[in-house]
């Protein structure tokens, strides 16, 4: 669809909206001709809210955005098929061309509907009618002229009825009359009710089509006449309005010219007065300008002096700022050192307390060492005494051992003499010696345990030496 065709639709959008109330047949025809798709048709039907106004707007948008180049022509054909001839005439440019094409299309439809072909076959009734009649064709043309508001229109109708070969039904009639419709001068045929019904139905359809076409043509003529009258009325109203506007403009121009002359004179007088005032003002401004220049020179001098003073003040403030910054840094350092000094003092106090505690512990340790040394001397004396006792006991044990060996030797000699009483006495003596040995061993062990004292780091070695001596003694 090109721009011109889109412009025709958009310029007649109100006309289309008033007359296209039911869009379903048009949508189905456009879907069949592939102008719009089934999804687009469903989208038109499912608009929210589902009002005719919204459906029409959605339909127009789809039609204008169609990619089919022949969408406008197909839309015109669909409108003609749905008998919206007034819309077709509104959308097309050339009215005469549209009327001719529309009449031809209407005539083609009516001739297709009104054409009736009837074939009937005569049943064999007698031997005398053995040859069938030849096929007959009857053409009936009718030309009707209708006067409409836009001018006379001629409508041509052509009907063709094809009759099949028919025979006589017997009797004196001699045959059947072939015609498009029954004539009052022809006798009524018996047994041909179905044929008459078909002819009557065809004639009714023809007149119905003709009546509908005539009605549409009359309505189109009325619409054109009303449109022409409205255009004429608008033209006359525009002329009257233009005349009234011209008269008013002339009056306003005359009034404006009169007022302009007066205003121009007043403006000239005011201009001369303003020029005089302007001259006085210029002289005053010159005097004020001289005074202003003097004041400006003084102001520049004061500004220069102020700049110098401001530079000096900035330097002084810079020095003060640097000094203050240094003082702040020193204060911060002093504060840090003070904090560190307090921490050092606390640490010194802690160390002094630890030192005093160590001194007290050292005194206590020294006192304990002195006690241990005294105990050590006592224990050494006790050990020396015990050592002497042990030596004496050892000597006694050695002496007794030698005596025991001597006795055992004597006993062995006696045993060789087979003295039973002596053997028993020797056995008892051995038992006593064993008991005595156990007693001596127990005493030695108890002395060793009583003498194994823990003095410094030498207690273990002394205990080991004592046990070694006891072992040697036992051996």
Protein backbone atom coordinates (compact mmCIF):
# COMPACT_ATOMS: atom_id res chain seq x y z
CA UNK A 1 0.00 0.00 0.00
CA UNK A 2 1.50 3.30 -1.11
CA UNK A 3 1.26 6.68 0.60
CA UNK A 4 -1.62 7.89 -1.58
CA UNK A 5 -3.73 4.85 -0.73
CA UNK A 6 -2.94 5.20 2.98
CA UNK A 7 -3.91 8.86 2.76
CA UNK A 8 -7.29 7.93 1.25
CA UNK A 9 -8.02 5.61 4.17
CA UNK A 10 -6.83 7.99 6.90
CA UNK A 11 -8.69 10.97 5.43
CA UNK A 12 -11.96 8.97 5.40
CA UNK A 13 -11.44 7.29 8.78
CA UNK A 14 -14.58 8.79 10.32
CA UNK A 15 -16.69 7.77 7.31
CA UNK A 16 -15.37 4.20 7.57
CA UNK A 17 -15.91 4.03 11.32
CA UNK A 18 -19.57 5.08 10.97
CA UNK A 19 -20.36 2.41 8.36
CA UNK A 20 -18.11 -0.55 9.20
CA UNK A 21 -19.76 -1.72 12.39
CA UNK A 22 -19.43 -5.50 11.91
CA UNK A 23 -15.92 -6.47 10.80
CA UNK A 24 -15.99 -10.29 10.98
CA UNK A 25 -16.89 -10.95 7.29
CA UNK A 26 -14.31 -8.44 6.07
CA UNK A 27 -11.63 -9.94 8.35
CA UNK A 28 -12.37 -13.45 7.11
CA UNK A 29 -12.17 -12.36 3.47
CA UNK A 30 -8.88 -10.54 4.08
CA UNK A 31 -7.47 -13.63 5.84
CA UNK A 32 -8.49 -15.77 2.85
CA UNK A 33 -6.70 -13.34 0.51
CA UNK A 34 -3.55 -13.33 2.75
CA UNK A 35 -3.71 -9.60 3.46
CA UNK A 36 -3.72 -10.24 7.21
CA UNK A 37 -2.90 -13.39 9.18
CA UNK A 38 -5.06 -15.45 11.49
CA UNK A 39 -3.04 -14.22 14.49
CA UNK A 40 -3.73 -10.61 13.52
CA UNK A 41 -7.44 -11.41 13.15
CA UNK A 42 -7.45 -12.96 16.64
CA UNK A 43 -5.67 -9.89 17.98
CA UNK A 44 -8.41 -7.66 16.56
CA UNK A 45 -11.10 -9.83 18.15
CA UNK A 46 -9.34 -9.97 21.53
CA UNK A 47 -8.69 -6.25 22.07
CA UNK A 48 -9.35 -4.95 25.58
CA UNK A 49 -11.92 -3.54 26.12
CA UNK A 50 -13.70 -5.34 23.23
CA UNK A 51 -15.57 -2.30 21.91
CA UNK A 52 -16.30 -1.71 18.18
CA UNK A 53 -14.25 1.47 18.35
CA UNK A 54 -11.14 -0.37 19.62
CA UNK A 55 -11.60 -3.22 17.14
CA UNK A 56 -11.91 -0.77 14.24
CA UNK A 57 -8.74 1.12 15.30
CA UNK A 58 -6.78 -2.14 15.57
CA UNK A 59 -8.09 -3.29 12.17
CA UNK A 60 -7.08 -0.01 10.47
CA UNK A 61 -3.59 -0.23 12.00
CA UNK A 62 -3.12 -3.77 10.67
CA UNK A 63 -4.43 -2.79 7.24
CA UNK A 64 -2.12 0.24 6.97
CA UNK A 65 0.89 -1.81 8.14
CA UNK A 66 0.22 -4.70 5.74
CA UNK A 67 3.22 -5.74 3.61
CA UNK A 68 1.04 -6.81 0.68
CA UNK A 69 1.37 -4.19 -2.13
CA UNK A 70 -2.15 -5.00 -3.37
CA UNK A 71 -3.78 -4.73 0.05
CA UNK A 72 -5.74 -1.58 -0.92
CA UNK A 73 -7.15 -3.14 -4.09
CA UNK A 74 -8.04 -6.33 -2.22
CA UNK A 75 -9.74 -4.26 0.47
CA UNK A 76 -11.80 -2.49 -2.23
CA UNK A 77 -12.79 -5.85 -3.73
CA UNK A 78 -13.85 -7.17 -0.32
CA UNK A 79 -15.96 -4.06 0.27
CA UNK A 80 -17.64 -4.53 -3.11
CA UNK A 81 -18.30 -8.19 -2.34
CA UNK A 82 -19.86 -7.17 0.97
CA UNK A 83 -21.92 -4.48 -0.90
CA UNK A 84 -20.33 -1.43 0.77
CA UNK A 85 -20.50 0.53 -2.50
CA UNK A 86 -20.70 3.94 -0.82
CA UNK A 87 -17.39 3.25 0.98
CA UNK A 88 -15.80 2.07 -2.25
CA UNK A 89 -16.93 5.22 -4.03
CA UNK A 90 -15.60 7.35 -1.19
CA UNK A 91 -12.19 5.69 -1.27
CA UNK A 92 -11.70 5.80 -5.03
CA UNK A 93 -10.76 8.95 -6.89
CA UNK A 94 -12.54 8.78 -10.27
CA UNK A 95 -16.31 8.56 -9.66
CA UNK A 96 -17.24 7.76 -13.24
CA UNK A 97 -14.68 4.98 -13.47
CA UNK A 98 -15.85 3.57 -10.17
CA UNK A 99 -19.50 3.64 -11.24
CA UNK A 100 -18.79 1.81 -14.51
CA UNK A 101 -16.66 -0.85 -12.88
CA UNK A 102 -19.20 -1.33 -10.13
CA UNK A 103 -22.08 -1.66 -12.63
CA UNK A 104 -20.12 -4.24 -14.60
CA UNK A 105 -19.34 -6.27 -11.51
CA UNK A 106 -22.98 -6.09 -10.37
CA UNK A 107 -24.18 -7.12 -13.83
CA UNK A 108 -21.80 -10.08 -13.88
CA UNK A 109 -23.06 -11.27 -10.49
CA UNK A 110 -26.72 -10.85 -11.49
CA UNK A 111 -26.27 -12.66 -14.81
CA UNK A 112 -24.49 -15.51 -13.01
CA UNK A 113 -27.37 -15.83 -10.54
CA UNK A 114 -30.17 -15.45 -13.12
CA UNK A 115 -28.72 -17.97 -15.60
CA UNK A 116 -30.65 -21.16 -15.27
CA UNK A 117 -29.98 -24.37 -17.15
CA UNK A 118 -32.70 -26.91 -17.07
CA UNK A 119 -32.38 -30.28 -18.67
CA UNK A 120 -35.31 -32.58 -18.78
CA UNK A 121 -35.55 -35.93 -20.58
CA UNK A 122 -38.84 -37.09 -22.00
CA UNK A 123 -39.85 -40.62 -21.00
CA UNK A 124 -40.62 -43.07 -23.90
CA UNK A 125 -44.45 -43.16 -24.24
CA UNK A 126 -45.02 -44.35 -27.83
CA UNK A 127 -43.21 -45.70 -30.86
CA UNK A 128 -44.33 -42.81 -33.08
CA UNK A 129 -42.07 -40.33 -31.20
CA UNK A 130 -38.74 -42.09 -31.61
CA UNK A 131 -36.63 -39.14 -32.78
CA UNK A 132 -35.73 -36.57 -30.03
CA UNK A 133 -36.16 -32.95 -30.66
CA UNK A 134 -33.18 -30.80 -31.25
CA UNK A 135 -31.76 -28.71 -28.44
CA UNK A 136 -33.31 -25.27 -28.29
CA UNK A 137 -31.85 -22.09 -26.82
CA UNK A 138 -33.77 -19.00 -25.91
CA UNK A 139 -32.09 -15.71 -25.26
CA UNK A 140 -33.95 -12.95 -23.51
CA UNK A 141 -32.39 -9.54 -23.11
CA UNK A 142 -33.96 -6.75 -21.18
CA UNK A 143 -32.74 -3.24 -20.89
CA UNK A 144 -33.91 -1.17 -17.96
CA UNK A 145 -33.29 2.51 -17.49
CA UNK A 146 -33.37 3.97 -13.96
CA UNK A 147 -33.32 7.63 -13.24
CA UNK A 148 -31.18 8.49 -10.20
CA UNK A 149 -30.27 11.84 -8.69
CA UNK A 150 -26.86 11.68 -10.33
CA UNK A 151 -28.22 10.83 -13.81
CA UNK A 152 -29.77 7.98 -15.78
CA UNK A 153 -28.15 4.55 -15.55
CA UNK A 154 -28.78 1.73 -18.04
CA UNK A 155 -28.78 -1.84 -16.81
CA UNK A 156 -28.58 -4.76 -19.26
CA UNK A 157 -29.70 -8.17 -18.24
CA UNK A 158 -29.12 -11.29 -20.30
CA UNK A 159 -30.62 -14.61 -19.40
CA UNK A 160 -29.92 -17.87 -21.19
CA UNK A 161 -32.14 -20.86 -20.64
CA UNK A 162 -30.93 -24.18 -22.03
CA UNK A 163 -33.71 -26.64 -22.65
CA UNK A 164 -33.04 -30.34 -23.01
CA UNK A 165 -34.72 -32.38 -25.78
CA UNK A 166 -38.26 -33.13 -24.79
CA UNK A 167 -40.92 -35.36 -26.30
CA UNK A 168 -44.68 -35.34 -26.39
CA UNK A 169 -46.54 -36.67 -23.46
CA UNK A 170 -49.23 -38.10 -25.76
CA UNK A 171 -52.56 -36.63 -26.61
CA UNK A 172 -53.47 -33.78 -28.90
CA UNK A 173 -51.11 -31.21 -27.47
CA UNK A 174 -48.32 -32.22 -29.84
CA UNK A 175 -45.41 -30.97 -27.63
CA UNK A 176 -44.24 -28.52 -25.04
CA UNK A 177 -43.72 -24.78 -25.52
CA UNK A 178 -40.08 -23.70 -24.82
CA UNK A 179 -39.70 -20.23 -23.30
CA UNK A 180 -37.91 -18.36 -20.57
CA UNK A 181 -41.10 -17.93 -18.57
CA UNK A 182 -44.69 -19.13 -19.08
CA UNK A 183 -46.85 -16.94 -21.26
CA UNK A 184 -50.53 -16.32 -20.58
CA UNK A 185 -51.34 -17.40 -24.19
CA UNK A 186 -49.74 -20.84 -23.69
CA UNK A 187 -51.79 -23.58 -22.07
CA UNK A 188 -50.51 -24.77 -18.64
CA UNK A 189 -48.28 -27.83 -18.78
CA UNK A 190 -49.08 -30.77 -16.65
CA UNK A 191 -46.30 -32.36 -14.57
CA UNK A 192 -43.89 -29.36 -14.90
CA UNK A 193 -44.32 -27.78 -11.43
CA UNK A 194 -40.63 -28.10 -10.58
CA UNK A 195 -39.60 -26.28 -13.73
CA UNK A 196 -41.99 -23.40 -12.97
CA UNK A 197 -40.64 -23.18 -9.42
CA UNK A 198 -37.09 -22.92 -10.72
CA UNK A 199 -38.02 -20.22 -13.21
CA UNK A 200 -39.96 -18.31 -10.55
CA UNK A 201 -37.01 -18.60 -8.13
CA UNK A 202 -34.61 -17.33 -10.81
CA UNK A 203 -36.89 -14.37 -11.59
CA UNK A 204 -37.24 -13.60 -7.86
CA UNK A 205 -33.48 -13.71 -7.38
CA UNK A 206 -33.01 -11.46 -10.41
CA UNK A 207 -35.48 -8.86 -9.13
CA UNK A 208 -34.01 -9.08 -5.59
CA UNK A 209 -30.52 -8.38 -6.94
CA UNK A 210 -31.88 -5.62 -9.12
CA UNK A 211 -33.78 -4.10 -6.19
CA UNK A 212 -30.71 -4.20 -3.92
CA UNK A 213 -28.52 -2.69 -6.61
CA UNK A 214 -31.06 0.01 -7.34
CA UNK A 215 -31.35 0.82 -3.63
CA UNK A 216 -27.58 1.11 -3.25
CA UNK A 217 -27.40 3.33 -6.34
CA UNK A 218 -30.14 5.57 -4.98
CA UNK A 219 -28.39 5.80 -1.60
CA UNK A 220 -25.09 6.58 -3.31
CA UNK A 221 -26.82 9.26 -5.38
CA UNK A 222 -28.37 10.77 -2.27
CA UNK A 223 -24.96 10.78 -0.55
CA UNK A 224 -23.34 12.49 -3.54
CA UNK A 225 -26.14 15.07 -3.79
CA UNK A 226 -25.92 15.78 -0.06
CA UNK A 227 -22.14 16.09 -0.31
CA UNK A 228 -22.44 18.51 -3.27
CA UNK A 229 -25.04 20.60 -1.44
CA UNK A 230 -22.84 20.68 1.65
CA UNK A 231 -19.86 21.76 -0.43
CA UNK A 232 -21.95 24.49 -2.13
CA UNK A 233 -23.21 25.66 1.25
CA UNK A 234 -19.68 25.79 2.61
CA UNK A 235 -18.52 27.77 -0.44
CA UNK A 236 -21.37 30.29 -0.05
CA UNK A 237 -20.68 30.60 3.69
CA UNK A 238 -17.00 31.13 3.00
CA UNK A 239 -17.83 33.86 0.46
CA UNK A 240 -20.14 35.61 2.94
CA UNK A 241 -17.52 35.34 5.67
CA UNK A 242 -14.83 36.68 3.31
CA UNK A 243 -17.05 39.66 2.38
CA UNK A 244 -17.78 40.41 6.04
CA UNK A 245 -14.10 40.10 6.90
CA UNK A 246 -13.13 42.45 4.06
CA UNK A 247 -15.67 45.06 5.22
CA UNK A 248 -14.45 44.81 8.79
CA UNK A 249 -10.84 45.01 7.63
CA UNK A 250 -11.58 48.17 5.62
CA UNK A 251 -13.23 49.79 8.64
CA UNK A 252 -10.37 48.74 10.88
CA UNK A 253 -7.79 50.04 8.38
CA UNK A 254 -9.51 53.43 8.20
CA UNK A 255 -9.74 53.62 11.99
CA UNK A 256 -6.11 52.53 12.26
CA UNK A 257 -4.96 55.19 9.77
CA UNK A 258 -6.78 57.96 11.68
CA UNK A 259 -5.38 56.78 14.99
CA UNK A 260 -1.95 56.31 13.46
CA UNK A 261 -1.79 59.95 12.25
CA UNK A 262 -2.65 61.21 15.73
CA UNK A 263 -0.27 58.82 17.37
CA UNK A 264 2.50 59.69 14.90
CA UNK A 265 2.15 63.42 15.74
CA UNK A 266 2.26 62.66 19.44
CA UNK A 267 5.25 60.39 18.96
CA UNK A 268 7.15 63.12 17.07
CA UNK A 269 6.48 65.60 19.87
CA UNK A 270 7.53 63.08 22.48
CA UNK A 271 10.65 62.28 20.44
CA UNK A 272 11.73 65.96 20.33
CA UNK A 273 11.15 66.28 24.06
CA UNK A 274 13.05 63.07 24.64
CA UNK A 275 15.96 64.33 22.49
CA UNK A 276 16.23 67.49 24.58
CA UNK A 277 16.13 65.46 27.75
CA UNK A 278 18.69 63.09 26.28
CA UNK A 279 21.06 65.99 25.53
CA UNK A 280 20.81 67.19 29.11
CA UNK A 281 21.31 63.66 30.32
CA UNK A 282 24.42 63.27 28.12
CA UNK A 283 25.97 66.43 29.60
CA UNK A 284 25.22 65.20 33.11
CA UNK A 285 26.70 61.83 32.24
CA UNK A 286 29.90 63.48 30.95
CA UNK A 287 30.29 65.35 34.23
CA UNK A 288 29.57 62.18 36.16
CA UNK A 289 32.04 60.31 33.93
CA UNK A 290 34.84 62.75 34.82
CA UNK A 291 34.02 62.39 38.51
CA UNK A 292 33.88 58.65 38.04
CA UNK A 293 37.35 58.58 36.44
CA UNK A 294 38.81 60.51 39.38
CA UNK A 295 37.13 58.17 41.82
CA UNK A 296 38.34 55.20 39.78
CA UNK A 297 41.98 56.39 40.02
CA UNK A 298 41.62 56.74 43.79
CA UNK A 299 39.92 53.38 43.97
CA UNK A 300 42.76 51.75 42.00
CA UNK A 301 45.32 53.28 44.39
CA UNK A 302 43.35 52.08 47.40
CA UNK A 303 42.93 48.67 45.84
CA UNK A 304 46.69 48.41 45.21
CA UNK A 305 47.41 49.43 48.81
CA UNK A 306 44.84 46.95 50.03
CA UNK A 307 46.46 44.23 47.90
CA UNK A 308 49.87 44.93 49.42
CA UNK A 309 48.43 44.90 52.93
CA UNK A 310 46.56 41.71 52.15
CA UNK A 311 49.78 40.07 50.88
CA UNK A 312 51.58 41.04 54.08
CA UNK A 313 48.69 39.77 56.15
CA UNK A 314 48.74 36.52 54.21
CA UNK A 315 52.47 36.14 54.85
CA UNK A 316 51.96 36.79 58.56
CA UNK A 317 49.11 34.31 58.67
CA UNK A 318 51.28 31.81 56.81
CA UNK A 319 54.04 32.13 59.38
CA UNK A 320 51.54 31.87 62.22
CA UNK A 321 50.02 28.82 60.62
CA UNK A 322 53.44 27.17 60.26
CA UNK A 323 54.32 27.99 63.88
CA UNK A 324 50.97 26.71 65.09
CA UNK A 325 51.46 23.55 63.07
CA UNK A 326 54.94 23.07 64.61
CA UNK A 327 53.55 23.71 68.09
CA UNK A 328 50.81 21.20 67.47
CA UNK A 329 53.39 18.65 66.31
CA UNK A 330 55.55 19.30 69.38
CA UNK A 331 52.52 19.02 71.65
CA UNK A 332 51.64 15.73 70.07
CA UNK A 333 55.22 14.49 70.46
CA UNK A 334 55.29 15.65 74.11
CA UNK A 335 52.02 13.88 74.72
CA UNK A 336 53.44 10.71 73.16
CA UNK A 337 56.64 10.99 75.23
CA UNK A 338 54.59 11.60 78.38
CA UNK A 339 52.61 8.48 77.68
CA UNK A 340 55.79 6.50 77.04
CA UNK A 341 57.33 7.87 80.28
CA UNK A 342 54.31 6.74 82.26
CA UNK A 343 54.60 3.31 80.71
CA UNK A 344 58.34 3.17 81.54
CA UNK A 345 57.66 4.21 85.14
CA UNK A 346 55.04 1.54 85.48
CA UNK A 347 57.49 -0.98 84.04
CA UNK A 348 60.22 0.17 86.51
CA UNK A 349 57.79 -0.20 89.41
CA UNK A 350 56.94 -3.69 88.23
CA UNK A 351 60.64 -4.58 87.91
CA UNK A 352 61.40 -3.18 91.39
CA UNK A 353 58.56 -5.22 92.84
CA UNK A 354 59.92 -8.29 91.06
CA UNK A 355 63.42 -7.49 92.35
CA UNK A 356 62.15 -7.19 95.93
CA UNK A 357 60.31 -10.47 95.55
CA UNK A 358 63.47 -12.09 94.18
CA UNK A 359 65.50 -10.73 97.10
CA UNK A 360 62.98 -12.08 99.58
CA UNK A 361 63.06 -15.43 97.82
CA UNK A 362 66.86 -15.36 97.82
CA UNK A 363 66.91 -14.74 101.60
CA UNK A 364 64.46 -17.55 102.14
CA UNK A 365 66.51 -19.82 99.87
CA UNK A 366 69.70 -18.94 101.75
CA UNK A 367 68.02 -19.71 105.07
CA UNK A 368 66.78 -23.00 103.63
CA UNK A 369 70.28 -23.76 102.31
CA UNK A 370 71.73 -23.16 105.75
CA UNK A 371 69.18 -25.50 107.27
CA UNK A 372 69.93 -28.10 104.64
CA UNK A 373 73.68 -27.76 105.26
CA UNK A 374 73.15 -28.33 108.99
CA UNK A 375 70.97 -31.31 108.27
CA UNK A 376 73.61 -32.50 105.81
CA UNK A 377 76.31 -32.43 108.49
CA UNK A 378 74.05 -34.33 110.88
CA UNK A 379 73.25 -36.86 108.19
CA UNK A 380 76.93 -37.24 107.31
CA UNK A 381 77.72 -37.97 110.96
CA UNK A 382 74.85 -40.42 111.08
CA UNK A 383 76.10 -42.03 107.89
CA UNK A 384 79.61 -42.35 109.26
CA UNK A 385 78.23 -44.01 112.41
CA UNK A 386 76.06 -46.29 110.31
CA UNK A 387 79.04 -47.06 108.10
CA UNK A 388 81.05 -48.11 111.13
CA UNK A 389 78.19 -50.26 112.34
CA UNK A 390 77.91 -51.76 108.91
CA UNK A 391 81.64 -52.59 108.89
CA UNK A 392 81.34 -54.21 112.32
CA UNK A 393 78.29 -56.14 111.20
CA UNK A 394 80.11 -57.17 108.06
CA UNK A 395 83.05 -58.44 110.07
CA UNK A 396 80.68 -60.39 112.29
CA UNK A 397 78.95 -61.83 109.24
CA UNK A 398 82.29 -62.80 107.72
CA UNK A 399 83.31 -64.49 110.94
CA UNK A 400 80.04 -66.33 111.21
CA UNK A 401 80.31 -67.29 107.53
CA UNK A 402 83.71 -68.82 108.11
CA UNK A 403 82.36 -70.69 111.13
CA UNK A 404 79.41 -71.87 109.07
CA UNK A 405 81.71 -73.08 106.34
CA UNK A 406 83.76 -74.91 108.89
CA UNK A 407 80.68 -76.52 110.39
CA UNK A 408 79.39 -77.46 106.96
CA UNK A 409 82.68 -79.07 106.16
CA UNK A 410 82.48 -81.06 109.37
CA UNK A 411 78.90 -81.95 108.61
CA UNK A 412 79.82 -83.15 105.16
CA UNK A 413 82.45 -85.36 106.66
CA UNK A 414 79.95 -86.80 109.11
CA UNK A 415 77.41 -87.27 106.32
CA UNK A 416 79.82 -89.52 104.63
CA UNK A 417 79.53 -91.84 107.66
CA UNK A 418 75.73 -92.31 107.05
CA UNK A 419 74.58 -91.03 110.41
CA UNK A 420 70.80 -90.55 110.19
CA UNK A 421 70.54 -88.55 113.39
CA UNK A 422 73.34 -86.34 112.22
CA UNK A 423 71.58 -85.76 108.90
CA UNK A 424 68.44 -84.56 110.67
CA UNK A 425 70.42 -82.29 112.97
CA UNK A 426 72.28 -80.91 109.94
CA UNK A 427 69.02 -80.26 108.15
CA UNK A 428 67.62 -78.32 111.13
CA UNK A 429 70.87 -76.39 111.43
CA UNK A 430 70.68 -75.44 107.75
CA UNK A 431 67.13 -74.24 108.22
CA UNK A 432 68.21 -72.06 111.12
CA UNK A 433 71.09 -70.74 109.09
CA UNK A 434 68.70 -69.86 106.30
CA UNK A 435 66.46 -68.03 108.75
CA UNK A 436 69.47 -66.24 110.16
CA UNK A 437 70.59 -65.27 106.67
CA UNK A 438 67.12 -63.90 105.91
CA UNK A 439 67.17 -61.86 109.12
CA UNK A 440 70.60 -60.46 108.26
CA UNK A 441 69.42 -59.69 104.73
CA UNK A 442 66.31 -57.90 106.05
CA UNK A 443 68.39 -55.83 108.47
CA UNK A 444 70.80 -54.89 105.70
CA UNK A 445 67.91 -53.85 103.43
CA UNK A 446 66.30 -51.75 106.19
CA UNK A 447 69.60 -49.99 106.90
CA UNK A 448 70.01 -49.25 103.19
CA UNK A 449 66.52 -47.75 102.98
CA UNK A 450 67.05 -45.59 106.08
CA UNK A 451 70.39 -44.28 104.77
CA UNK A 452 69.23 -43.36 101.21
CA UNK A 453 68.55 -39.60 101.88
CA UNK A 454 67.98 -36.97 99.13
CA UNK A 455 70.57 -34.23 99.71
CA UNK A 456 70.97 -31.96 96.64
CA UNK A 457 71.79 -33.94 93.52
CA UNK A 458 73.97 -36.58 95.32
CA UNK A 459 71.14 -38.61 96.89
CA UNK A 460 70.73 -40.94 93.93
CA UNK A 461 74.44 -41.66 93.61
CA UNK A 462 74.71 -42.29 97.40
CA UNK A 463 71.77 -44.66 97.32
CA UNK A 464 73.33 -46.51 94.40
CA UNK A 465 76.66 -46.78 96.25
CA UNK A 466 74.92 -48.07 99.39
CA UNK A 467 72.98 -50.72 97.49
CA UNK A 468 76.18 -51.75 95.69
CA UNK A 469 77.96 -52.20 99.04
CA UNK A 470 75.05 -54.28 100.37
CA UNK A 471 75.19 -56.47 97.31
CA UNK A 472 78.89 -56.99 97.73
CA UNK A 473 78.30 -57.86 101.39
CA UNK A 474 75.64 -60.37 100.46
CA UNK A 475 77.94 -61.95 97.97
